Amino acid sequence: MPSSVIQHYSYESTKRILYITFVSGITYAYKSVPIDIANKLNAAESKGRYFNHFIKGHFKYTKLRNK
């Protein structure tokens, strides 16, 4: 199911970085994210709700780019 908040996401397992691009065009790199969190995001019915509960505020991040 497409998300109304998250446009795209990917996970770099060797560095444990979760990249999330929001519909606004801004991409963030969330650091030290366990693979099970990334897998559960992928499986979540609502990506935005999962992000708000289990990622936002739980991991350090870096803003990478805008549109």
PDB file of N, CA and C in Angstrom:
ATOM      1  N   MET A   1       0.841  -1.173   0.000  1.00  0.00           N
ATOM      2  CA  MET A   1       0.000   0.000   0.000  1.00  0.00           C
ATOM      3  C   MET A   1       0.890   1.241   0.000  1.00  0.00           C
ATOM      4  N   PRO A   2       0.640   2.206  -0.908  1.00  0.00           N
ATOM      5  CA  PRO A   2       1.431   3.434  -0.932  1.00  0.00           C
ATOM      6  C   PRO A   2       1.203   4.256   0.333  1.00  0.00           C
ATOM      7  N   SER A   3       2.215   5.005   0.705  1.00  0.00           N
ATOM      8  CA  SER A   3       2.114   5.852   1.890  1.00  0.00           C
ATOM      9  C   SER A   3       1.806   7.279   1.473  1.00  0.00           C
ATOM     10  N   SER A   4       1.024   7.969   2.279  1.00  0.00           N
ATOM     11  CA  SER A   4       0.741   9.380   2.006  1.00  0.00           C
ATOM     12  C   SER A   4       1.833  10.275   2.574  1.00  0.00           C
ATOM     13  N   VAL A   5       2.779   9.694   3.304  1.00  0.00           N
ATOM     14  CA  VAL A   5       3.853  10.459   3.949  1.00  0.00           C
ATOM     15  C   VAL A   5       5.226  10.090   3.391  1.00  0.00           C
ATOM     16  N   ILE A   6       5.464   8.808   3.186  1.00  0.00           N
ATOM     17  CA  ILE A   6       6.771   8.319   2.750  1.00  0.00           C
ATOM     18  C   ILE A   6       6.720   7.991   1.263  1.00  0.00           C
ATOM     19  N   GLN A   7       7.609   8.623   0.509  1.00  0.00           N
ATOM     20  CA  GLN A   7       7.670   8.387  -0.934  1.00  0.00           C
ATOM     21  C   GLN A   7       8.502   7.149  -1.257  1.00  0.00           C
ATOM     22  N   HIS A   8       9.636   7.013  -0.562  1.00  0.00           N
ATOM     23  CA  HIS A   8      10.554   5.910  -0.841  1.00  0.00           C
ATOM     24  C   HIS A   8      11.408   5.649   0.393  1.00  0.00           C
ATOM     25  N   TYR A   9      11.854   4.412   0.543  1.00  0.00           N
ATOM     26  CA  TYR A   9      12.791   4.093   1.622  1.00  0.00           C
ATOM     27  C   TYR A   9      13.683   2.946   1.177  1.00  0.00           C
ATOM     28  N   SER A  10      14.877   2.894   1.759  1.00  0.00           N
ATOM     29  CA  SER A  10      15.796   1.786   1.503  1.00  0.00           C
ATOM     30  C   SER A  10      16.661   1.599   2.742  1.00  0.00           C
ATOM     31  N   TYR A  11      17.250   0.426   2.837  1.00  0.00           N
ATOM     32  CA  TYR A  11      18.040   0.080   4.016  1.00  0.00           C
ATOM     33  C   TYR A  11      19.399  -0.438   3.585  1.00  0.00           C
ATOM     34  N   GLU A  12      20.443   0.115   4.162  1.00  0.00           N
ATOM     35  CA  GLU A  12      21.816  -0.332   3.909  1.00  0.00           C
ATOM     36  C   GLU A  12      22.251  -1.151   5.118  1.00  0.00           C
ATOM     37  N   SER A  13      22.162  -2.466   4.986  1.00  0.00           N
ATOM     38  CA  SER A  13      22.362  -3.349   6.138  1.00  0.00           C
ATOM     39  C   SER A  13      23.790  -3.323   6.683  1.00  0.00           C
ATOM     40  N   THR A  14      24.792  -3.142   5.825  1.00  0.00           N
ATOM     41  CA  THR A  14      26.177  -3.153   6.312  1.00  0.00           C
ATOM     42  C   THR A  14      26.469  -1.964   7.223  1.00  0.00           C
ATOM     43  N   LYS A  15      25.774  -0.843   6.975  1.00  0.00           N
ATOM     44  CA  LYS A  15      25.973   0.355   7.804  1.00  0.00           C
ATOM     45  C   LYS A  15      24.821   0.605   8.769  1.00  0.00           C
ATOM     46  N   ARG A  16      23.759  -0.229   8.656  1.00  0.00           N
ATOM     47  CA  ARG A  16      22.557  -0.082   9.490  1.00  0.00           C
ATOM     48  C   ARG A  16      21.938   1.309   9.356  1.00  0.00           C
ATOM     49  N   ILE A  17      21.842   1.776   8.111  1.00  0.00           N
ATOM     50  CA  ILE A  17      21.253   3.079   7.821  1.00  0.00           C
ATOM     51  C   ILE A  17      19.956   2.883   7.048  1.00  0.00           C
ATOM     52  N   LEU A  18      18.903   3.519   7.539  1.00  0.00           N
ATOM     53  CA  LEU A  18      17.608   3.511   6.872  1.00  0.00           C
ATOM     54  C   LEU A  18      17.418   4.869   6.214  1.00  0.00           C
ATOM     55  N   TYR A  19      17.305   4.871   4.895  1.00  0.00           N
ATOM     56  CA  TYR A  19      17.081   6.101   4.136  1.00  0.00           C
ATOM     57  C   TYR A  19      15.597   6.236   3.866  1.00  0.00           C
ATOM     58  N   ILE A  20      15.040   7.386   4.220  1.00  0.00           N
ATOM     59  CA  ILE A  20      13.623   7.636   3.973  1.00  0.00           C
ATOM     60  C   ILE A  20      13.476   8.958   3.242  1.00  0.00           C
ATOM     61  N   THR A  21      12.784   8.904   2.106  1.00  0.00           N
ATOM     62  CA  THR A  21      12.430  10.109   1.362  1.00  0.00           C
ATOM     63  C   THR A  21      10.941  10.338   1.572  1.00  0.00           C
ATOM     64  N   PHE A  22      10.617  11.506   2.067  1.00  0.00           N
ATOM     65  CA  PHE A  22       9.224  11.855   2.328  1.00  0.00           C
ATOM     66  C   PHE A  22       8.608  12.483   1.083  1.00  0.00           C
ATOM     67  N   VAL A  23       7.302  12.558   1.031  1.00  0.00           N
ATOM     68  CA  VAL A  23       6.626  13.121  -0.138  1.00  0.00           C
ATOM     69  C   VAL A  23       7.009  14.581  -0.369  1.00  0.00           C
ATOM     70  N   SER A  24       7.534  15.233   0.638  1.00  0.00           N
ATOM     71  CA  SER A  24       8.018  16.607   0.493  1.00  0.00           C
ATOM     72  C   SER A  24       9.291  16.673  -0.338  1.00  0.00           C
ATOM     73  N   GLY A  25       9.936  15.499  -0.559  1.00  0.00           N
ATOM     74  CA  GLY A  25      11.172  15.450  -1.320  1.00  0.00           C
ATOM     75  C   GLY A  25      12.413  15.446  -0.454  1.00  0.00           C
ATOM     76  N   ILE A  26      12.258  15.576   0.854  1.00  0.00           N
ATOM     77  CA  ILE A  26      13.394  15.586   1.764  1.00  0.00           C
ATOM     78  C   ILE A  26      13.761  14.152   2.128  1.00  0.00           C
ATOM     79  N   THR A  27      15.069  13.853   2.067  1.00  0.00           N
ATOM     80  CA  THR A  27      15.562  12.522   2.424  1.00  0.00           C
ATOM     81  C   THR A  27      16.374  12.612   3.707  1.00  0.00           C
ATOM     82  N   TYR A  28      16.138  11.645   4.582  1.00  0.00           N
ATOM     83  CA  TYR A  28      16.870  11.545   5.840  1.00  0.00           C
ATOM     84  C   TYR A  28      17.526  10.178   5.915  1.00  0.00           C
ATOM     85  N   ALA A  29      18.699  10.141   6.560  1.00  0.00           N
ATOM     86  CA  ALA A  29      19.394   8.885   6.832  1.00  0.00           C
ATOM     87  C   ALA A  29      19.317   8.640   8.330  1.00  0.00           C
ATOM     88  N   TYR A  30      18.603   7.597   8.727  1.00  0.00           N
ATOM     89  CA  TYR A  30      18.465   7.230  10.137  1.00  0.00           C
ATOM     90  C   TYR A  30      19.546   6.215  10.472  1.00  0.00           C
ATOM     91  N   LYS A  31      20.318   6.490  11.510  1.00  0.00           N
ATOM     92  CA  LYS A  31      21.513   5.715  11.836  1.00  0.00           C
ATOM     93  C   LYS A  31      21.255   4.665  12.909  1.00  0.00           C
ATOM     94  N   SER A  32      22.030   3.580  12.834  1.00  0.00           N
ATOM     95  CA  SER A  32      21.995   2.480  13.814  1.00  0.00           C
ATOM     96  C   SER A  32      20.615   1.833  13.927  1.00  0.00           C
ATOM     97  N   VAL A  33      19.957   1.695  12.789  1.00  0.00           N
ATOM     98  CA  VAL A  33      18.621   1.084  12.763  1.00  0.00           C
ATOM     99  C   VAL A  33      18.782  -0.436  12.601  1.00  0.00           C
ATOM    100  N   PRO A  34      18.274  -1.216  13.546  1.00  0.00           N
ATOM    101  CA  PRO A  34      18.353  -2.676  13.419  1.00  0.00           C
ATOM    102  C   PRO A  34      17.569  -3.170  12.203  1.00  0.00           C
ATOM    103  N   ILE A  35      18.024  -4.247  11.623  1.00  0.00           N
ATOM    104  CA  ILE A  35      17.374  -4.783  10.429  1.00  0.00           C
ATOM    105  C   ILE A  35      15.915  -5.150  10.681  1.00  0.00           C
ATOM    106  N   ASP A  36      15.576  -5.588  11.884  1.00  0.00           N
ATOM    107  CA  ASP A  36      14.176  -5.952  12.148  1.00  0.00           C
ATOM    108  C   ASP A  36      13.257  -4.736  12.076  1.00  0.00           C
ATOM    109  N   ILE A  37      13.743  -3.568  12.442  1.00  0.00           N
ATOM    110  CA  ILE A  37      12.945  -2.336  12.322  1.00  0.00           C
ATOM    111  C   ILE A  37      12.697  -2.034  10.844  1.00  0.00           C
ATOM    112  N   ALA A  38      13.744  -2.152  10.020  1.00  0.00           N
ATOM    113  CA  ALA A  38      13.594  -1.919   8.573  1.00  0.00           C
ATOM    114  C   ALA A  38      12.643  -2.940   7.955  1.00  0.00           C
ATOM    115  N   ASN A  39      12.756  -4.182   8.354  1.00  0.00           N
ATOM    116  CA  ASN A  39      11.865  -5.220   7.832  1.00  0.00           C
ATOM    117  C   ASN A  39      10.419  -4.980   8.247  1.00  0.00           C
ATOM    118  N   LYS A  40      10.217  -4.543   9.467  1.00  0.00           N
ATOM    119  CA  LYS A  40       8.855  -4.273   9.940  1.00  0.00           C
ATOM    120  C   LYS A  40       8.257  -3.046   9.253  1.00  0.00           C
ATOM    121  N   LEU A  41       9.096  -2.058   8.926  1.00  0.00           N
ATOM    122  CA  LEU A  41       8.614  -0.911   8.138  1.00  0.00           C
ATOM    123  C   LEU A  41       8.121  -1.418   6.790  1.00  0.00           C
ATOM    124  N   ASN A  42       8.908  -2.279   6.174  1.00  0.00           N
ATOM    125  CA  ASN A  42       8.538  -2.833   4.873  1.00  0.00           C
ATOM    126  C   ASN A  42       7.215  -3.593   4.944  1.00  0.00           C
ATOM    127  N   ALA A  43       6.981  -4.295   6.036  1.00  0.00           N
ATOM    128  CA  ALA A  43       5.774  -5.109   6.188  1.00  0.00           C
ATOM    129  C   ALA A  43       4.571  -4.330   6.722  1.00  0.00           C
ATOM    130  N   ALA A  44       4.803  -3.135   7.233  1.00  0.00           N
ATOM    131  CA  ALA A  44       3.729  -2.371   7.875  1.00  0.00           C
ATOM    132  C   ALA A  44       2.635  -1.980   6.892  1.00  0.00           C
ATOM    133  N   GLU A  45       1.411  -2.121   7.338  1.00  0.00           N
ATOM    134  CA  GLU A  45       0.274  -1.708   6.513  1.00  0.00           C
ATOM    135  C   GLU A  45       0.288  -0.195   6.315  1.00  0.00           C
ATOM    136  N   SER A  46       0.613   0.544   7.376  1.00  0.00           N
ATOM    137  CA  SER A  46       0.739   1.997   7.303  1.00  0.00           C
ATOM    138  C   SER A  46       2.186   2.374   7.594  1.00  0.00           C
ATOM    139  N   LYS A  47       2.916   2.726   6.541  1.00  0.00           N
ATOM    140  CA  LYS A  47       4.334   3.092   6.691  1.00  0.00           C
ATOM    141  C   LYS A  47       4.482   4.337   7.562  1.00  0.00           C
ATOM    142  N   GLY A  48       3.622   5.322   7.346  1.00  0.00           N
ATOM    143  CA  GLY A  48       3.687   6.559   8.124  1.00  0.00           C
ATOM    144  C   GLY A  48       3.432   6.338   9.603  1.00  0.00           C
ATOM    145  N   ARG A  49       2.446   5.529   9.914  1.00  0.00           N
ATOM    146  CA  ARG A  49       2.133   5.230  11.316  1.00  0.00           C
ATOM    147  C   ARG A  49       3.285   4.463  11.965  1.00  0.00           C
ATOM    148  N   TYR A  50       3.844   3.489  11.250  1.00  0.00           N
ATOM    149  CA  TYR A  50       4.981   2.727  11.786  1.00  0.00           C
ATOM    150  C   TYR A  50       6.165   3.661  12.027  1.00  0.00           C
ATOM    151  N   PHE A  51       6.443   4.522  11.058  1.00  0.00           N
ATOM    152  CA  PHE A  51       7.532   5.491  11.203  1.00  0.00           C
ATOM    153  C   PHE A  51       7.339   6.348  12.452  1.00  0.00           C
ATOM    154  N   ASN A  52       6.154   6.877  12.630  1.00  0.00           N
ATOM    155  CA  ASN A  52       5.885   7.755  13.781  1.00  0.00           C
ATOM    156  C   ASN A  52       6.041   7.044  15.118  1.00  0.00           C
ATOM    157  N   HIS A  53       5.702   5.774  15.180  1.00  0.00           N
ATOM    158  CA  HIS A  53       5.758   5.046  16.448  1.00  0.00           C
ATOM    159  C   HIS A  53       7.115   4.418  16.760  1.00  0.00           C
ATOM    160  N   PHE A  54       7.826   3.964  15.732  1.00  0.00           N
ATOM    161  CA  PHE A  54       9.013   3.147  15.984  1.00  0.00           C
ATOM    162  C   PHE A  54      10.340   3.716  15.458  1.00  0.00           C
ATOM    163  N   ILE A  55      10.277   4.785  14.662  1.00  0.00           N
ATOM    164  CA  ILE A  55      11.513   5.346  14.102  1.00  0.00           C
ATOM    165  C   ILE A  55      11.701   6.797  14.534  1.00  0.00           C
ATOM    166  N   LYS A  56      10.723   7.629  14.282  1.00  0.00           N
ATOM    167  CA  LYS A  56      10.805   9.040  14.629  1.00  0.00           C
ATOM    168  C   LYS A  56      11.064   9.206  16.126  1.00  0.00           C
ATOM    169  N   GLY A  57      12.129   9.933  16.443  1.00  0.00           N
ATOM    170  CA  GLY A  57      12.470  10.181  17.834  1.00  0.00           C
ATOM    171  C   GLY A  57      13.256   9.068  18.505  1.00  0.00           C
ATOM    172  N   HIS A  58      13.487   7.961  17.790  1.00  0.00           N
ATOM    173  CA  HIS A  58      14.204   6.827  18.371  1.00  0.00           C
ATOM    174  C   HIS A  58      15.622   6.675  17.825  1.00  0.00           C
ATOM    175  N   PHE A  59      15.898   7.291  16.685  1.00  0.00           N
ATOM    176  CA  PHE A  59      17.202   7.138  16.040  1.00  0.00           C
ATOM    177  C   PHE A  59      17.745   8.497  15.627  1.00  0.00           C
ATOM    178  N   LYS A  60      19.069   8.649  15.706  1.00  0.00           N
ATOM    179  CA  LYS A  60      19.718   9.856  15.215  1.00  0.00           C
ATOM    180  C   LYS A  60      19.607   9.843  13.690  1.00  0.00           C
ATOM    181  N   TYR A  61      19.568  11.036  13.106  1.00  0.00           N
ATOM    182  CA  TYR A  61      19.409  11.112  11.661  1.00  0.00           C
ATOM    183  C   TYR A  61      20.188  12.297  11.095  1.00  0.00           C
ATOM    184  N   THR A  62      20.382  12.249   9.793  1.00  0.00           N
ATOM    185  CA  THR A  62      21.010  13.332   9.051  1.00  0.00           C
ATOM    186  C   THR A  62      20.100  13.660   7.878  1.00  0.00           C
ATOM    187  N   LYS A  63      19.856  14.951   7.669  1.00  0.00           N
ATOM    188  CA  LYS A  63      19.088  15.386   6.512  1.00  0.00           C
ATOM    189  C   LYS A  63      20.029  15.378   5.305  1.00  0.00           C
ATOM    190  N   LEU A  64      19.615  14.710   4.236  1.00  0.00           N
ATOM    191  CA  LEU A  64      20.500  14.558   3.082  1.00  0.00           C
ATOM    192  C   LEU A  64      20.227  15.527   1.955  1.00  0.00           C
ATOM    193  N   ARG A  65      18.967  15.660   1.552  1.00  0.00           N
ATOM    194  CA  ARG A  65      18.685  16.550   0.412  1.00  0.00           C
ATOM    195  C   ARG A  65      17.203  16.893   0.343  1.00  0.00           C
ATOM    196  N   ASN A  66      16.943  17.942  -0.438  1.00  0.00           N
ATOM    197  CA  ASN A  66      15.577  18.338  -0.776  1.00  0.00           C
ATOM    198  C   ASN A  66      15.333  18.012  -2.239  1.00  0.00           C
ATOM    199  N   LYS A  67      14.121  18.225  -2.687  1.00  0.00           N
ATOM    200  CA  LYS A  67      13.771  18.048  -4.101  1.00  0.00           C
ATOM    201  C   LYS A  67      14.710  18.825  -4.986  1.00  0.00           C
TER     202      LYS A  67
END
